[in-house]
Amino acid sequence: MNMEFNQPVFAIGIVAHMVGVHQQTLRNYERWELVVPHRSDGGTRLYSSRDVEIIRQILKWKEELGLNLAGIEVMTKLLKKINLLEEKLDNLTLEIIRLRDGNYKFPIEEI
């Protein structure tokens, strides 16, 4: 993922304005660990573009699916598990391709 996308640069007030919610709403999302912003040395919450995207997804789920924060928490955990499983599947697929194509180097044991 792009380094700038994960760079914490936006203060809480800016993010609240960007997504159209109150700052307290963002603090509440943090309490639920739905989005956890970076903290500056002075303790200021700093959000990345990725964090803003997550917040927009949370708001979409609330509006379109009628989910409360507990439902969003469950959905978020399930999506993280799905992403992890997809990553493992991708790695296994690459491993199968390497084995099939003979590009895999087996470790040689010394006798």
PDB file of N, CA and C in Angstrom:
ATOM      1  N   MET A   1       0.844  -1.176   0.000  1.00  0.00           N
ATOM      2  CA  MET A   1       0.000   0.000   0.000  1.00  0.00           C
ATOM      3  C   MET A   1       0.892   1.243   0.000  1.00  0.00           C
ATOM      4  N   ASN A   2       0.429   2.312  -0.588  1.00  0.00           N
ATOM      5  CA  ASN A   2       1.175   3.543  -0.713  1.00  0.00           C
ATOM      6  C   ASN A   2       1.516   4.116   0.653  1.00  0.00           C
ATOM      7  N   MET A   3       2.800   4.508   0.830  1.00  0.00           N
ATOM      8  CA  MET A   3       3.272   5.044   2.105  1.00  0.00           C
ATOM      9  C   MET A   3       2.505   6.310   2.482  1.00  0.00           C
ATOM     10  N   GLU A   4       2.233   7.189   1.508  1.00  0.00           N
ATOM     11  CA  GLU A   4       1.517   8.431   1.790  1.00  0.00           C
ATOM     12  C   GLU A   4       0.091   8.158   2.259  1.00  0.00           C
ATOM     13  N   PHE A   5      -0.507   7.081   1.782  1.00  0.00           N
ATOM     14  CA  PHE A   5      -1.863   6.705   2.151  1.00  0.00           C
ATOM     15  C   PHE A   5      -1.952   6.392   3.643  1.00  0.00           C
ATOM     16  N   ASN A   6      -0.859   5.870   4.202  1.00  0.00           N
ATOM     17  CA  ASN A   6      -0.816   5.503   5.619  1.00  0.00           C
ATOM     18  C   ASN A   6      -0.171   6.573   6.497  1.00  0.00           C
ATOM     19  N   GLN A   7       0.254   7.667   5.896  1.00  0.00           N
ATOM     20  CA  GLN A   7       0.928   8.733   6.637  1.00  0.00           C
ATOM     21  C   GLN A   7      -0.078   9.511   7.485  1.00  0.00           C
ATOM     22  N   PRO A   8       0.117   9.544   8.816  1.00  0.00           N
ATOM     23  CA  PRO A   8      -0.820  10.290   9.670  1.00  0.00           C
ATOM     24  C   PRO A   8      -0.586  11.797   9.566  1.00  0.00           C
ATOM     25  N   VAL A   9      -1.531  12.497   8.952  1.00  0.00           N
ATOM     26  CA  VAL A   9      -1.339  13.930   8.714  1.00  0.00           C
ATOM     27  C   VAL A   9      -2.528  14.796   9.110  1.00  0.00           C
ATOM     28  N   PHE A  10      -3.710  14.209   9.245  1.00  0.00           N
ATOM     29  CA  PHE A  10      -4.914  14.999   9.477  1.00  0.00           C
ATOM     30  C   PHE A  10      -5.283  15.036  10.956  1.00  0.00           C
ATOM     31  N   ALA A  11      -5.491  16.243  11.491  1.00  0.00           N
ATOM     32  CA  ALA A  11      -5.955  16.398  12.874  1.00  0.00           C
ATOM     33  C   ALA A  11      -7.433  16.026  12.952  1.00  0.00           C
ATOM     34  N   ILE A  12      -7.901  15.745  14.145  1.00  0.00           N
ATOM     35  CA  ILE A  12      -9.271  15.262  14.340  1.00  0.00           C
ATOM     36  C   ILE A  12     -10.317  16.243  13.807  1.00  0.00           C
ATOM     37  N   GLY A  13     -10.091  17.546  13.985  1.00  0.00           N
ATOM     38  CA  GLY A  13     -11.048  18.539  13.500  1.00  0.00           C
ATOM     39  C   GLY A  13     -11.170  18.529  11.987  1.00  0.00           C
ATOM     40  N   ILE A  14     -10.046  18.358  11.316  1.00  0.00           N
ATOM     41  CA  ILE A  14     -10.036  18.300   9.852  1.00  0.00           C
ATOM     42  C   ILE A  14     -10.796  17.065   9.373  1.00  0.00           C
ATOM     43  N   VAL A  15     -10.516  15.920  10.006  1.00  0.00           N
ATOM     44  CA  VAL A  15     -11.178  14.671   9.606  1.00  0.00           C
ATOM     45  C   VAL A  15     -12.678  14.763   9.863  1.00  0.00           C
ATOM     46  N   ALA A  16     -13.054  15.312  11.015  1.00  0.00           N
ATOM     47  CA  ALA A  16     -14.479  15.465  11.331  1.00  0.00           C
ATOM     48  C   ALA A  16     -15.172  16.284  10.240  1.00  0.00           C
ATOM     49  N   HIS A  17     -14.528  17.347   9.802  1.00  0.00           N
ATOM     50  CA  HIS A  17     -15.087  18.186   8.737  1.00  0.00           C
ATOM     51  C   HIS A  17     -15.138  17.423   7.407  1.00  0.00           C
ATOM     52  N   MET A  18     -14.081  16.670   7.101  1.00  0.00           N
ATOM     53  CA  MET A  18     -14.001  15.926   5.838  1.00  0.00           C
ATOM     54  C   MET A  18     -15.136  14.913   5.695  1.00  0.00           C
ATOM     55  N   VAL A  19     -15.480  14.249   6.801  1.00  0.00           N
ATOM     56  CA  VAL A  19     -16.479  13.171   6.725  1.00  0.00           C
ATOM     57  C   VAL A  19     -17.850  13.598   7.232  1.00  0.00           C
ATOM     58  N   GLY A  20     -17.943  14.810   7.785  1.00  0.00           N
ATOM     59  CA  GLY A  20     -19.236  15.342   8.212  1.00  0.00           C
ATOM     60  C   GLY A  20     -19.766  14.798   9.521  1.00  0.00           C
ATOM     61  N   VAL A  21     -18.867  14.547  10.474  1.00  0.00           N
ATOM     62  CA  VAL A  21     -19.298  14.098  11.801  1.00  0.00           C
ATOM     63  C   VAL A  21     -18.650  14.979  12.860  1.00  0.00           C
ATOM     64  N   HIS A  22     -19.122  14.859  14.083  1.00  0.00           N
ATOM     65  CA  HIS A  22     -18.558  15.591  15.204  1.00  0.00           C
ATOM     66  C   HIS A  22     -17.276  14.896  15.660  1.00  0.00           C
ATOM     67  N   GLN A  23     -16.376  15.662  16.230  1.00  0.00           N
ATOM     68  CA  GLN A  23     -15.128  15.097  16.740  1.00  0.00           C
ATOM     69  C   GLN A  23     -15.383  14.004  17.774  1.00  0.00           C
ATOM     70  N   GLN A  24     -16.428  14.168  18.565  1.00  0.00           N
ATOM     71  CA  GLN A  24     -16.751  13.168  19.581  1.00  0.00           C
ATOM     72  C   GLN A  24     -17.094  11.823  18.936  1.00  0.00           C
ATOM     73  N   THR A  25     -17.697  11.865  17.763  1.00  0.00           N
ATOM     74  CA  THR A  25     -18.004  10.627  17.034  1.00  0.00           C
ATOM     75  C   THR A  25     -16.715   9.883  16.706  1.00  0.00           C
ATOM     76  N   LEU A  26     -15.695  10.614  16.274  1.00  0.00           N
ATOM     77  CA  LEU A  26     -14.408   9.992  15.957  1.00  0.00           C
ATOM     78  C   LEU A  26     -13.747   9.430  17.210  1.00  0.00           C
ATOM     79  N   ARG A  27     -13.878  10.144  18.319  1.00  0.00           N
ATOM     80  CA  ARG A  27     -13.334   9.623  19.584  1.00  0.00           C
ATOM     81  C   ARG A  27     -14.052   8.336  19.987  1.00  0.00           C
ATOM     82  N   ASN A  28     -15.358   8.299  19.740  1.00  0.00           N
ATOM     83  CA  ASN A  28     -16.143   7.106  20.043  1.00  0.00           C
ATOM     84  C   ASN A  28     -15.692   5.928  19.170  1.00  0.00           C
ATOM     85  N   TYR A  29     -15.440   6.179  17.894  1.00  0.00           N
ATOM     86  CA  TYR A  29     -14.934   5.125  17.010  1.00  0.00           C
ATOM     87  C   TYR A  29     -13.589   4.613  17.520  1.00  0.00           C
ATOM     88  N   GLU A  30     -12.785   5.518  18.042  1.00  0.00           N
ATOM     89  CA  GLU A  30     -11.489   5.113  18.600  1.00  0.00           C
ATOM     90  C   GLU A  30     -11.689   4.234  19.835  1.00  0.00           C
ATOM     91  N   ARG A  31     -12.635   4.605  20.693  1.00  0.00           N
ATOM     92  CA  ARG A  31     -12.930   3.785  21.884  1.00  0.00           C
ATOM     93  C   ARG A  31     -13.333   2.366  21.490  1.00  0.00           C
ATOM     94  N   TRP A  32     -14.077   2.253  20.413  1.00  0.00           N
ATOM     95  CA  TRP A  32     -14.518   0.944  19.911  1.00  0.00           C
ATOM     96  C   TRP A  32     -13.417   0.252  19.110  1.00  0.00           C
ATOM     97  N   GLU A  33     -12.288   0.941  18.940  1.00  0.00           N
ATOM     98  CA  GLU A  33     -11.144   0.447  18.170  1.00  0.00           C
ATOM     99  C   GLU A  33     -11.507   0.154  16.717  1.00  0.00           C
ATOM    100  N   LEU A  34     -12.462   0.920  16.190  1.00  0.00           N
ATOM    101  CA  LEU A  34     -12.836   0.789  14.783  1.00  0.00           C
ATOM    102  C   LEU A  34     -11.813   1.482  13.897  1.00  0.00           C
ATOM    103  N   VAL A  35     -11.295   2.570  14.390  1.00  0.00           N
ATOM    104  CA  VAL A  35     -10.191   3.279  13.743  1.00  0.00           C
ATOM    105  C   VAL A  35      -9.335   3.846  14.871  1.00  0.00           C
ATOM    106  N   VAL A  36      -8.041   3.586  14.803  1.00  0.00           N
ATOM    107  CA  VAL A  36      -7.138   4.024  15.868  1.00  0.00           C
ATOM    108  C   VAL A  36      -6.095   4.948  15.244  1.00  0.00           C
ATOM    109  N   PRO A  37      -6.277   6.255  15.431  1.00  0.00           N
ATOM    110  CA  PRO A  37      -5.338   7.198  14.829  1.00  0.00           C
ATOM    111  C   PRO A  37      -3.978   7.152  15.520  1.00  0.00           C
ATOM    112  N   HIS A  38      -2.984   7.608  14.793  1.00  0.00           N
ATOM    113  CA  HIS A  38      -1.644   7.763  15.341  1.00  0.00           C
ATOM    114  C   HIS A  38      -1.684   8.905  16.359  1.00  0.00           C
ATOM    115  N   ARG A  39      -0.802   8.866  17.332  1.00  0.00           N
ATOM    116  CA  ARG A  39      -0.681   9.976  18.289  1.00  0.00           C
ATOM    117  C   ARG A  39       0.669  10.649  18.096  1.00  0.00           C
ATOM    118  N   SER A  40       0.650  11.973  18.023  1.00  0.00           N
ATOM    119  CA  SER A  40       1.901  12.726  17.925  1.00  0.00           C
ATOM    120  C   SER A  40       2.602  12.676  19.277  1.00  0.00           C
ATOM    121  N   ASP A  41       3.814  13.178  19.334  1.00  0.00           N
ATOM    122  CA  ASP A  41       4.546  13.217  20.603  1.00  0.00           C
ATOM    123  C   ASP A  41       3.783  14.007  21.656  1.00  0.00           C
ATOM    124  N   GLY A  42       3.005  14.984  21.218  1.00  0.00           N
ATOM    125  CA  GLY A  42       2.207  15.789  22.134  1.00  0.00           C
ATOM    126  C   GLY A  42       0.847  15.187  22.445  1.00  0.00           C
ATOM    127  N   GLY A  43       0.539  14.025  21.861  1.00  0.00           N
ATOM    128  CA  GLY A  43      -0.724  13.344  22.136  1.00  0.00           C
ATOM    129  C   GLY A  43      -1.857  13.689  21.180  1.00  0.00           C
ATOM    130  N   THR A  44      -1.569  14.503  20.164  1.00  0.00           N
ATOM    131  CA  THR A  44      -2.597  14.878  19.192  1.00  0.00           C
ATOM    132  C   THR A  44      -2.925  13.695  18.289  1.00  0.00           C
ATOM    133  N   ARG A  45      -4.215  13.463  18.090  1.00  0.00           N
ATOM    134  CA  ARG A  45      -4.641  12.406  17.166  1.00  0.00           C
ATOM    135  C   ARG A  45      -4.343  12.852  15.739  1.00  0.00           C
ATOM    136  N   LEU A  46      -3.691  11.982  14.990  1.00  0.00           N
ATOM    137  CA  LEU A  46      -3.402  12.253  13.587  1.00  0.00           C
ATOM    138  C   LEU A  46      -3.898  11.079  12.752  1.00  0.00           C
ATOM    139  N   TYR A  47      -4.738  11.388  11.779  1.00  0.00           N
ATOM    140  CA  TYR A  47      -5.364  10.372  10.936  1.00  0.00           C
ATOM    141  C   TYR A  47      -4.698  10.336   9.565  1.00  0.00           C
ATOM    142  N   SER A  48      -4.606   9.157   9.010  1.00  0.00           N
ATOM    143  CA  SER A  48      -4.079   8.986   7.654  1.00  0.00           C
ATOM    144  C   SER A  48      -5.247   8.964   6.663  1.00  0.00           C
ATOM    145  N   SER A  49      -4.919   8.994   5.390  1.00  0.00           N
ATOM    146  CA  SER A  49      -5.958   8.856   4.362  1.00  0.00           C
ATOM    147  C   SER A  49      -6.648   7.503   4.489  1.00  0.00           C
ATOM    148  N   ARG A  50      -5.899   6.490   4.876  1.00  0.00           N
ATOM    149  CA  ARG A  50      -6.484   5.158   5.089  1.00  0.00           C
ATOM    150  C   ARG A  50      -7.507   5.216   6.217  1.00  0.00           C
ATOM    151  N   ASP A  51      -7.164   5.913   7.318  1.00  0.00           N
ATOM    152  CA  ASP A  51      -8.103   6.067   8.435  1.00  0.00           C
ATOM    153  C   ASP A  51      -9.387   6.751   7.972  1.00  0.00           C
ATOM    154  N   VAL A  52      -9.241   7.787   7.157  1.00  0.00           N
ATOM    155  CA  VAL A  52     -10.410   8.517   6.646  1.00  0.00           C
ATOM    156  C   VAL A  52     -11.276   7.586   5.803  1.00  0.00           C
ATOM    157  N   GLU A  53     -10.636   6.742   5.004  1.00  0.00           N
ATOM    158  CA  GLU A  53     -11.385   5.779   4.187  1.00  0.00           C
ATOM    159  C   GLU A  53     -12.163   4.806   5.085  1.00  0.00           C
ATOM    160  N   ILE A  54     -11.545   4.347   6.157  1.00  0.00           N
ATOM    161  CA  ILE A  54     -12.212   3.441   7.103  1.00  0.00           C
ATOM    162  C   ILE A  54     -13.413   4.135   7.737  1.00  0.00           C
ATOM    163  N   ILE A  55     -13.246   5.389   8.135  1.00  0.00           N
ATOM    164  CA  ILE A  55     -14.347   6.147   8.747  1.00  0.00           C
ATOM    165  C   ILE A  55     -15.503   6.286   7.759  1.00  0.00           C
ATOM    166  N   ARG A  56     -15.187   6.565   6.519  1.00  0.00           N
ATOM    167  CA  ARG A  56     -16.248   6.675   5.502  1.00  0.00           C
ATOM    168  C   ARG A  56     -16.978   5.341   5.329  1.00  0.00           C
ATOM    169  N   GLN A  57     -16.248   4.239   5.417  1.00  0.00           N
ATOM    170  CA  GLN A  57     -16.874   2.920   5.315  1.00  0.00           C
ATOM    171  C   GLN A  57     -17.791   2.676   6.509  1.00  0.00           C
ATOM    172  N   ILE A  58     -17.351   3.064   7.692  1.00  0.00           N
ATOM    173  CA  ILE A  58     -18.177   2.925   8.903  1.00  0.00           C
ATOM    174  C   ILE A  58     -19.480   3.696   8.728  1.00  0.00           C
ATOM    175  N   LEU A  59     -19.374   4.929   8.263  1.00  0.00           N
ATOM    176  CA  LEU A  59     -20.563   5.761   8.067  1.00  0.00           C
ATOM    177  C   LEU A  59     -21.493   5.165   7.015  1.00  0.00           C
ATOM    178  N   LYS A  60     -20.922   4.563   5.978  1.00  0.00           N
ATOM    179  CA  LYS A  60     -21.722   3.918   4.936  1.00  0.00           C
ATOM    180  C   LYS A  60     -22.485   2.730   5.518  1.00  0.00           C
ATOM    181  N   TRP A  61     -21.806   1.916   6.334  1.00  0.00           N
ATOM    182  CA  TRP A  61     -22.467   0.764   6.961  1.00  0.00           C
ATOM    183  C   TRP A  61     -23.586   1.216   7.890  1.00  0.00           C
ATOM    184  N   LYS A  62     -23.334   2.311   8.618  1.00  0.00           N
ATOM    185  CA  LYS A  62     -24.375   2.821   9.519  1.00  0.00           C
ATOM    186  C   LYS A  62     -25.599   3.255   8.725  1.00  0.00           C
ATOM    187  N   GLU A  63     -25.368   3.984   7.647  1.00  0.00           N
ATOM    188  CA  GLU A  63     -26.490   4.523   6.874  1.00  0.00           C
ATOM    189  C   GLU A  63     -27.169   3.469   6.005  1.00  0.00           C
ATOM    190  N   GLU A  64     -26.384   2.728   5.240  1.00  0.00           N
ATOM    191  CA  GLU A  64     -26.971   1.797   4.271  1.00  0.00           C
ATOM    192  C   GLU A  64     -27.465   0.497   4.892  1.00  0.00           C
ATOM    193  N   LEU A  65     -26.758   0.012   5.910  1.00  0.00           N
ATOM    194  CA  LEU A  65     -27.123  -1.271   6.515  1.00  0.00           C
ATOM    195  C   LEU A  65     -27.801  -1.124   7.871  1.00  0.00           C
ATOM    196  N   GLY A  66     -27.787   0.092   8.405  1.00  0.00           N
ATOM    197  CA  GLY A  66     -28.405   0.324   9.706  1.00  0.00           C
ATOM    198  C   GLY A  66     -27.653  -0.316  10.860  1.00  0.00           C
ATOM    199  N   LEU A  67     -26.347  -0.546  10.674  1.00  0.00           N
ATOM    200  CA  LEU A  67     -25.560  -1.191  11.724  1.00  0.00           C
ATOM    201  C   LEU A  67     -25.242  -0.218  12.852  1.00  0.00           C
ATOM    202  N   ASN A  68     -25.263  -0.732  14.077  1.00  0.00           N
ATOM    203  CA  ASN A  68     -24.770   0.048  15.209  1.00  0.00           C
ATOM    204  C   ASN A  68     -23.277  -0.246  15.358  1.00  0.00           C
ATOM    205  N   LEU A  69     -22.628   0.373  16.345  1.00  0.00           N
ATOM    206  CA  LEU A  69     -21.180   0.208  16.478  1.00  0.00           C
ATOM    207  C   LEU A  69     -20.787  -1.228  16.794  1.00  0.00           C
ATOM    208  N   ALA A  70     -21.621  -1.942  17.545  1.00  0.00           N
ATOM    209  CA  ALA A  70     -21.319  -3.351  17.831  1.00  0.00           C
ATOM    210  C   ALA A  70     -21.343  -4.166  16.533  1.00  0.00           C
ATOM    211  N   GLY A  71     -22.310  -3.901  15.680  1.00  0.00           N
ATOM    212  CA  GLY A  71     -22.384  -4.584  14.391  1.00  0.00           C
ATOM    213  C   GLY A  71     -21.212  -4.238  13.498  1.00  0.00           C
ATOM    214  N   ILE A  72     -20.822  -2.978  13.524  1.00  0.00           N
ATOM    215  CA  ILE A  72     -19.679  -2.535  12.728  1.00  0.00           C
ATOM    216  C   ILE A  72     -18.400  -3.177  13.244  1.00  0.00           C
ATOM    217  N   GLU A  73     -18.300  -3.325  14.564  1.00  0.00           N
ATOM    218  CA  GLU A  73     -17.127  -3.979  15.151  1.00  0.00           C
ATOM    219  C   GLU A  73     -17.023  -5.426  14.652  1.00  0.00           C
ATOM    220  N   VAL A  74     -18.145  -6.136  14.656  1.00  0.00           N
ATOM    221  CA  VAL A  74     -18.164  -7.521  14.167  1.00  0.00           C
ATOM    222  C   VAL A  74     -17.791  -7.554  12.685  1.00  0.00           C
ATOM    223  N   MET A  75     -18.388  -6.666  11.895  1.00  0.00           N
ATOM    224  CA  MET A  75     -18.117  -6.605  10.461  1.00  0.00           C
ATOM    225  C   MET A  75     -16.629  -6.327  10.214  1.00  0.00           C
ATOM    226  N   THR A  76     -16.054  -5.404  10.961  1.00  0.00           N
ATOM    227  CA  THR A  76     -14.647  -5.050  10.803  1.00  0.00           C
ATOM    228  C   THR A  76     -13.751  -6.243  11.111  1.00  0.00           C
ATOM    229  N   LYS A  77     -14.048  -6.949  12.198  1.00  0.00           N
ATOM    230  CA  LYS A  77     -13.243  -8.123  12.559  1.00  0.00           C
ATOM    231  C   LYS A  77     -13.350  -9.207  11.495  1.00  0.00           C
ATOM    232  N   LEU A  78     -14.546  -9.421  10.973  1.00  0.00           N
ATOM    233  CA  LEU A  78     -14.722 -10.423   9.918  1.00  0.00           C
ATOM    234  C   LEU A  78     -13.955 -10.041   8.654  1.00  0.00           C
ATOM    235  N   LEU A  79     -13.997  -8.768   8.284  1.00  0.00           N
ATOM    236  CA  LEU A  79     -13.274  -8.328   7.091  1.00  0.00           C
ATOM    237  C   LEU A  79     -11.766  -8.466   7.266  1.00  0.00           C
ATOM    238  N   LYS A  80     -11.268  -8.197   8.479  1.00  0.00           N
ATOM    239  CA  LYS A  80      -9.835  -8.380   8.742  1.00  0.00           C
ATOM    240  C   LYS A  80      -9.455  -9.850   8.585  1.00  0.00           C
ATOM    241  N   LYS A  81     -10.303 -10.746   9.091  1.00  0.00           N
ATOM    242  CA  LYS A  81     -10.035 -12.180   8.951  1.00  0.00           C
ATOM    243  C   LYS A  81     -10.076 -12.598   7.486  1.00  0.00           C
ATOM    244  N   ILE A  82     -11.050 -12.082   6.749  1.00  0.00           N
ATOM    245  CA  ILE A  82     -11.144 -12.393   5.319  1.00  0.00           C
ATOM    246  C   ILE A  82      -9.892 -11.919   4.591  1.00  0.00           C
ATOM    247  N   ASN A  83      -9.444 -10.702   4.884  1.00  0.00           N
ATOM    248  CA  ASN A  83      -8.242 -10.170   4.237  1.00  0.00           C
ATOM    249  C   ASN A  83      -7.022 -11.023   4.554  1.00  0.00           C
ATOM    250  N   LEU A  84      -6.910 -11.467   5.802  1.00  0.00           N
ATOM    251  CA  LEU A  84      -5.795 -12.320   6.206  1.00  0.00           C
ATOM    252  C   LEU A  84      -5.845 -13.653   5.459  1.00  0.00           C
ATOM    253  N   LEU A  85      -7.035 -14.237   5.369  1.00  0.00           N
ATOM    254  CA  LEU A  85      -7.191 -15.503   4.648  1.00  0.00           C
ATOM    255  C   LEU A  85      -6.903 -15.343   3.154  1.00  0.00           C
ATOM    256  N   GLU A  86      -7.325 -14.225   2.571  1.00  0.00           N
ATOM    257  CA  GLU A  86      -7.032 -13.973   1.155  1.00  0.00           C
ATOM    258  C   GLU A  86      -5.536 -13.842   0.921  1.00  0.00           C
ATOM    259  N   GLU A  87      -4.844 -13.194   1.860  1.00  0.00           N
ATOM    260  CA  GLU A  87      -3.395 -13.054   1.753  1.00  0.00           C
ATOM    261  C   GLU A  87      -2.721 -14.429   1.836  1.00  0.00           C
ATOM    262  N   LYS A  88      -3.183 -15.263   2.766  1.00  0.00           N
ATOM    263  CA  LYS A  88      -2.630 -16.619   2.885  1.00  0.00           C
ATOM    264  C   LYS A  88      -2.902 -17.427   1.623  1.00  0.00           C
ATOM    265  N   LEU A  89      -4.097 -17.286   1.077  1.00  0.00           N
ATOM    266  CA  LEU A  89      -4.445 -17.987  -0.158  1.00  0.00           C
ATOM    267  C   LEU A  89      -3.539 -17.548  -1.304  1.00  0.00           C
ATOM    268  N   ASP A  90      -3.287 -16.250  -1.411  1.00  0.00           N
ATOM    269  CA  ASP A  90      -2.389 -15.737  -2.448  1.00  0.00           C
ATOM    270  C   ASP A  90      -0.992 -16.340  -2.302  1.00  0.00           C
ATOM    271  N   ASN A  91      -0.494 -16.397  -1.063  1.00  0.00           N
ATOM    272  CA  ASN A  91       0.832 -16.967  -0.814  1.00  0.00           C
ATOM    273  C   ASN A  91       0.875 -18.446  -1.175  1.00  0.00           C
ATOM    274  N   LEU A  92      -0.167 -19.181  -0.812  1.00  0.00           N
ATOM    275  CA  LEU A  92      -0.220 -20.605  -1.149  1.00  0.00           C
ATOM    276  C   LEU A  92      -0.317 -20.817  -2.655  1.00  0.00           C
ATOM    277  N   THR A  93      -1.073 -19.972  -3.324  1.00  0.00           N
ATOM    278  CA  THR A  93      -1.189 -20.064  -4.780  1.00  0.00           C
ATOM    279  C   THR A  93       0.168 -19.851  -5.442  1.00  0.00           C
ATOM    280  N   LEU A  94       0.914 -18.859  -4.976  1.00  0.00           N
ATOM    281  CA  LEU A  94       2.257 -18.614  -5.517  1.00  0.00           C
ATOM    282  C   LEU A  94       3.169 -19.803  -5.258  1.00  0.00           C
ATOM    283  N   GLU A  95       3.052 -20.385  -4.086  1.00  0.00           N
ATOM    284  CA  GLU A  95       3.860 -21.551  -3.730  1.00  0.00           C
ATOM    285  C   GLU A  95       3.534 -22.731  -4.656  1.00  0.00           C
ATOM    286  N   ILE A  96       2.260 -22.951  -4.925  1.00  0.00           N
ATOM    287  CA  ILE A  96       1.838 -24.025  -5.831  1.00  0.00           C
ATOM    288  C   ILE A  96       2.392 -23.788  -7.232  1.00  0.00           C
ATOM    289  N   ILE A  97       2.334 -22.562  -7.693  1.00  0.00           N
ATOM    290  CA  ILE A  97       2.853 -22.229  -9.026  1.00  0.00           C
ATOM    291  C   ILE A  97       4.350 -22.496  -9.091  1.00  0.00           C
ATOM    292  N   ARG A  98       5.081 -22.096  -8.052  1.00  0.00           N
ATOM    293  CA  ARG A  98       6.531 -22.339  -8.024  1.00  0.00           C
ATOM    294  C   ARG A  98       6.830 -23.836  -8.041  1.00  0.00           C
ATOM    295  N   LEU A  99       6.079 -24.609  -7.259  1.00  0.00           N
ATOM    296  CA  LEU A  99       6.280 -26.060  -7.225  1.00  0.00           C
ATOM    297  C   LEU A  99       5.948 -26.687  -8.580  1.00  0.00           C
ATOM    298  N   ARG A 100       4.842 -26.257  -9.164  1.00  0.00           N
ATOM    299  CA  ARG A 100       4.409 -26.796 -10.453  1.00  0.00           C
ATOM    300  C   ARG A 100       5.420 -26.491 -11.556  1.00  0.00           C
ATOM    301  N   ASP A 101       5.962 -25.288 -11.526  1.00  0.00           N
ATOM    302  CA  ASP A 101       6.887 -24.863 -12.576  1.00  0.00           C
ATOM    303  C   ASP A 101       8.329 -25.278 -12.311  1.00  0.00           C
ATOM    304  N   GLY A 102       8.562 -25.921 -11.178  1.00  0.00           N
ATOM    305  CA  GLY A 102       9.917 -26.373 -10.859  1.00  0.00           C
ATOM    306  C   GLY A 102      10.840 -25.263 -10.418  1.00  0.00           C
ATOM    307  N   ASN A 103      10.288 -24.148  -9.993  1.00  0.00           N
ATOM    308  CA  ASN A 103      11.110 -23.016  -9.553  1.00  0.00           C
ATOM    309  C   ASN A 103      11.357 -23.012  -8.054  1.00  0.00           C
ATOM    310  N   TYR A 104      10.971 -24.080  -7.411  1.00  0.00           N
ATOM    311  CA  TYR A 104      11.130 -24.123  -5.957  1.00  0.00           C
ATOM    312  C   TYR A 104      12.447 -24.802  -5.633  1.00  0.00           C
ATOM    313  N   LYS A 105      13.207 -24.210  -4.753  1.00  0.00           N
ATOM    314  CA  LYS A 105      14.486 -24.770  -4.317  1.00  0.00           C
ATOM    315  C   LYS A 105      14.282 -25.444  -2.965  1.00  0.00           C
ATOM    316  N   PHE A 106      14.416 -26.762  -2.979  1.00  0.00           N
ATOM    317  CA  PHE A 106      14.291 -27.498  -1.726  1.00  0.00           C
ATOM    318  C   PHE A 106      15.592 -27.373  -0.950  1.00  0.00           C
ATOM    319  N   PRO A 107      15.502 -27.215   0.360  1.00  0.00           N
ATOM    320  CA  PRO A 107      16.733 -27.136   1.153  1.00  0.00           C
ATOM    321  C   PRO A 107      17.466 -28.479   1.107  1.00  0.00           C
ATOM    322  N   ILE A 108      18.760 -28.411   0.938  1.00  0.00           N
ATOM    323  CA  ILE A 108      19.576 -29.622   0.881  1.00  0.00           C
ATOM    324  C   ILE A 108      20.131 -29.888   2.269  1.00  0.00           C
ATOM    325  N   GLU A 109      19.841 -31.077   2.748  1.00  0.00           N
ATOM    326  CA  GLU A 109      20.344 -31.453   4.067  1.00  0.00           C
ATOM    327  C   GLU A 109      21.735 -32.049   3.912  1.00  0.00           C
ATOM    328  N   GLU A 110      22.601 -31.631   4.808  1.00  0.00           N
ATOM    329  CA  GLU A 110      23.948 -32.204   4.785  1.00  0.00           C
ATOM    330  C   GLU A 110      23.932 -33.533   5.508  1.00  0.00           C
ATOM    331  N   ILE A 111      24.658 -34.472   4.960  1.00  0.00           N
ATOM    332  CA  ILE A 111      24.700 -35.816   5.552  1.00  0.00           C
ATOM    333  C   ILE A 111      25.885 -35.939   6.459  1.00  0.00           C
TER     334      ILE A 111
END
